[in-house]
Amino acid sequence: MNTKPTLAVLALQGAFLEHQQMLERLGVGSKLIRNLDDWHDYAVQQGRKGLIIPGGESTAMTRIIKDENLYEPVRTAILGGMPVFGTCAGLIMLDHEHLDTMDIKVKRNAYGRQLGSFYTENTFKGTTVPMTFIRAPYIEDVGNGVEVLSVVDDHIVAAQQGKQLVTSFHPELNDDTHIHEYFLSLIG
């Protein structure tokens, strides 16, 4: 019997299918969230176990999340303790200027344009993991209660505040499951 939770994946745009595929590899179900009805269905069926906000374009995602009336319900659920994992633009979505749930200051497109994308391997909570950066942000500053989990070239690229996890890079684009497994451990 599978006791792993079904997670919501915000599917407004960006790399949501890659996150869904990573969850499938880990034996975890997912529900794509495109509108308020999807969100309500997920709440009724699963009780909002956790949410992944994928990479993409944060300006477009912010506009769509508001147009679909998801902004307040998603923000309220996160502030109420629902675990959330934001990658790249998903990281930006949790900062002060967007959903305002995580005490971080973000530098958008910090690594430049698409040509500035790169791959490296570095530590995440003491374990070496592959990291793919695509027009990635980094965290300029963290507030109280935010734990830095990874630093690349003197820039914060992964952090956690309570049950909120963010990465500047795209773990869903590599075969390593370590970071998604870590997120699942936050859910319990």
Protein backbone atom coordinates (compact mmCIF):
# COMPACT_ATOMS: atom_id res chain seq x y z
CA MET A 1 0.00 0.00 0.00
CA ASN A 2 1.37 3.42 -1.00
CA THR A 3 1.38 5.77 1.99
CA LYS A 4 3.21 8.58 0.22
CA PRO A 5 1.19 11.76 -0.25
CA THR A 6 -0.14 13.14 -3.51
CA LEU A 7 1.41 16.55 -4.11
CA ALA A 8 0.10 19.54 -6.00
CA VAL A 9 2.25 20.90 -8.81
CA LEU A 10 1.43 24.44 -9.97
CA ALA A 11 1.01 24.00 -13.73
CA LEU A 12 0.59 27.55 -14.95
CA GLN A 13 3.71 27.43 -17.13
CA GLY A 14 7.30 26.28 -16.86
CA ALA A 15 8.84 22.93 -15.87
CA PHE A 16 5.83 21.38 -14.11
CA LEU A 17 5.87 18.14 -16.14
CA GLU A 18 9.48 17.48 -15.16
CA HIS A 19 8.55 17.78 -11.48
CA GLN A 20 5.61 15.46 -12.04
CA GLN A 21 7.93 12.91 -13.68
CA MET A 22 10.40 13.16 -10.79
CA LEU A 23 7.59 12.51 -8.31
CA GLU A 24 6.47 9.49 -10.36
CA ARG A 25 10.03 8.10 -10.16
CA LEU A 26 9.76 8.38 -6.37
CA GLY A 27 6.37 6.64 -6.30
CA VAL A 28 4.52 9.84 -5.38
CA GLY A 29 1.31 10.94 -7.06
CA SER A 30 0.68 14.48 -8.22
CA LYS A 31 -2.19 16.76 -9.14
CA LEU A 32 -1.57 19.52 -11.67
CA ILE A 33 -3.04 22.82 -10.49
CA ARG A 34 -4.10 25.12 -13.33
CA ASN A 35 -7.05 26.94 -11.74
CA LEU A 36 -9.07 27.41 -8.58
CA ASP A 37 -11.24 24.34 -9.27
CA ASP A 38 -8.11 22.17 -9.44
CA TRP A 39 -6.95 23.65 -6.12
CA HIS A 40 -10.28 22.98 -4.44
CA ASP A 41 -10.41 19.43 -5.85
CA TYR A 42 -6.93 18.77 -4.50
CA ALA A 43 -7.92 20.08 -1.07
CA VAL A 44 -10.98 17.84 -0.91
CA GLN A 45 -9.21 14.72 -2.21
CA GLN A 46 -5.78 15.09 -0.61
CA GLY A 47 -6.04 17.68 2.16
CA ARG A 48 -3.24 19.81 0.63
CA LYS A 49 -0.20 17.72 1.56
CA GLY A 50 2.34 19.84 -0.32
CA LEU A 51 2.93 22.08 -3.32
CA ILE A 52 5.69 22.42 -5.89
CA ILE A 53 6.05 25.75 -7.70
CA PRO A 54 8.24 25.06 -10.75
CA GLY A 55 10.62 27.20 -12.70
CA GLY A 56 9.26 29.32 -15.52
CA GLU A 57 8.79 33.05 -15.70
CA SER A 58 7.82 34.66 -12.40
CA THR A 59 6.09 37.69 -13.92
CA ALA A 60 3.84 35.48 -16.05
CA MET A 61 3.23 33.09 -13.15
CA THR A 62 2.26 35.98 -10.86
CA ARG A 63 -0.20 37.32 -13.43
CA ILE A 64 -1.75 33.89 -14.03
CA ILE A 65 -1.98 32.96 -10.33
CA LYS A 66 -3.89 36.20 -9.76
CA ASP A 67 -6.06 35.82 -12.90
CA GLU A 68 -7.03 32.30 -11.79
CA ASN A 69 -7.86 33.51 -8.25
CA LEU A 70 -5.18 31.22 -6.80
CA TYR A 71 -3.04 33.91 -5.16
CA GLU A 72 -4.82 34.17 -1.80
CA PRO A 73 -5.70 30.47 -1.38
CA VAL A 74 -2.15 29.36 -2.17
CA ARG A 75 -0.59 32.04 0.03
CA THR A 76 -2.95 31.24 2.91
CA ALA A 77 -2.17 27.51 2.68
CA ILE A 78 1.60 28.14 2.71
CA LEU A 79 1.36 30.56 5.64
CA GLY A 80 -0.80 27.95 7.37
CA GLY A 81 2.07 25.46 7.22
CA MET A 82 1.57 23.57 3.96
CA PRO A 83 5.00 22.40 2.71
CA VAL A 84 6.09 24.12 -0.51
CA PHE A 85 9.07 23.64 -2.82
CA GLY A 86 9.93 26.43 -5.25
CA THR A 87 12.54 26.03 -7.98
CA CYS A 88 14.03 28.98 -9.90
CA ALA A 89 10.96 31.15 -10.64
CA GLY A 90 9.20 29.20 -7.89
CA LEU A 91 11.84 30.55 -5.51
CA ILE A 92 11.03 34.07 -6.68
CA MET A 93 7.31 33.43 -6.19
CA LEU A 94 7.85 32.96 -2.43
CA ASP A 95 9.80 36.20 -1.84
CA HIS A 96 8.59 39.55 -0.42
CA GLU A 97 7.49 40.94 -3.78
CA HIS A 98 5.31 38.01 -4.78
CA LEU A 99 3.50 35.59 -2.42
CA ASP A 100 5.48 37.01 0.52
CA THR A 101 5.69 33.77 2.49
CA MET A 102 9.46 33.41 2.86
CA ASP A 103 11.88 35.93 4.40
CA ILE A 104 14.30 36.14 1.47
CA LYS A 105 15.55 38.87 -0.84
CA VAL A 106 16.07 37.58 -4.39
CA LYS A 107 18.13 38.80 -7.33
CA ARG A 108 16.22 37.81 -10.47
CA ASN A 109 18.08 36.59 -13.57
CA ALA A 110 21.26 36.88 -11.52
CA TYR A 111 23.22 34.62 -13.83
CA GLY A 112 22.27 36.55 -16.97
CA ARG A 113 20.42 35.54 -20.08
CA GLN A 114 19.77 32.06 -21.44
CA LEU A 115 23.41 31.86 -22.61
CA GLY A 116 24.46 32.36 -18.99
CA SER A 117 22.89 29.03 -18.04
CA PHE A 118 25.24 26.43 -16.60
CA TYR A 119 25.61 23.08 -14.85
CA THR A 120 27.69 22.34 -11.79
CA GLU A 121 27.83 19.94 -8.87
CA ASN A 122 27.90 21.30 -5.35
CA THR A 123 26.76 20.46 -1.85
CA PHE A 124 23.19 20.65 -0.62
CA LYS A 125 23.04 20.05 3.14
CA GLY A 126 26.37 18.26 2.93
CA THR A 127 25.54 15.98 -0.03
CA THR A 128 26.91 16.68 -3.51
CA VAL A 129 24.09 17.06 -6.06
CA PRO A 130 23.87 18.10 -9.72
CA MET A 131 22.66 21.67 -10.26
CA THR A 132 21.31 23.04 -13.53
CA PHE A 133 20.93 26.83 -13.58
CA ILE A 134 18.78 28.41 -16.33
CA ARG A 135 18.49 32.22 -16.19
CA ALA A 136 18.57 31.57 -12.49
CA PRO A 137 18.07 33.89 -9.54
CA TYR A 138 20.01 33.68 -6.34
CA ILE A 139 19.15 34.74 -2.81
CA GLU A 140 20.85 38.00 -1.84
CA ASP A 141 19.80 37.97 1.80
CA VAL A 142 17.90 35.79 4.26
CA GLY A 143 15.92 36.81 7.31
CA ASN A 144 15.51 35.20 10.71
CA GLY A 145 14.51 31.57 10.60
CA VAL A 146 15.88 30.95 7.10
CA GLU A 147 18.52 28.23 6.86
CA VAL A 148 21.01 28.40 3.98
CA LEU A 149 21.30 24.93 2.43
CA SER A 150 23.65 25.56 -0.50
CA VAL A 151 26.05 28.24 -1.73
CA VAL A 152 27.65 28.39 -5.20
CA ASP A 153 30.29 31.02 -5.98
CA ASP A 154 29.42 32.93 -2.79
CA HIS A 155 25.71 33.11 -3.73
CA ILE A 156 22.89 31.41 -1.81
CA VAL A 157 21.20 28.95 -4.18
CA ALA A 158 19.10 26.88 -1.76
CA ALA A 159 17.37 27.73 1.50
CA GLN A 160 14.65 26.59 3.86
CA GLN A 161 12.29 28.37 6.21
CA GLY A 162 10.14 25.95 8.16
CA LYS A 163 8.49 23.75 5.54
CA GLN A 164 9.33 26.10 2.67
CA LEU A 165 12.20 24.88 0.48
CA VAL A 166 13.68 26.82 -2.45
CA THR A 167 16.42 26.25 -5.01
CA SER A 168 17.80 28.59 -7.66
CA PHE A 169 18.57 25.58 -9.82
CA HIS A 170 16.39 22.90 -11.41
CA PRO A 171 16.78 19.53 -9.64
CA GLU A 172 13.94 18.16 -11.76
CA LEU A 173 16.16 18.36 -14.87
CA ASN A 174 18.67 15.82 -13.53
CA ASP A 175 18.39 12.16 -12.55
CA ASP A 176 19.37 12.74 -8.91
CA THR A 177 16.32 12.51 -6.62
CA HIS A 178 18.01 13.75 -3.44
CA ILE A 179 16.38 17.20 -3.26
CA HIS A 180 12.87 15.97 -4.05
CA GLU A 181 13.36 13.26 -1.39
CA TYR A 182 14.42 15.97 1.05
CA PHE A 183 11.24 17.91 0.27
CA LEU A 184 9.18 14.76 0.86
CA SER A 185 10.84 14.43 4.27
CA LEU A 186 9.45 17.86 5.19
CA ILE A 187 5.95 16.55 4.55
CA GLY A 188 6.42 13.49 6.75
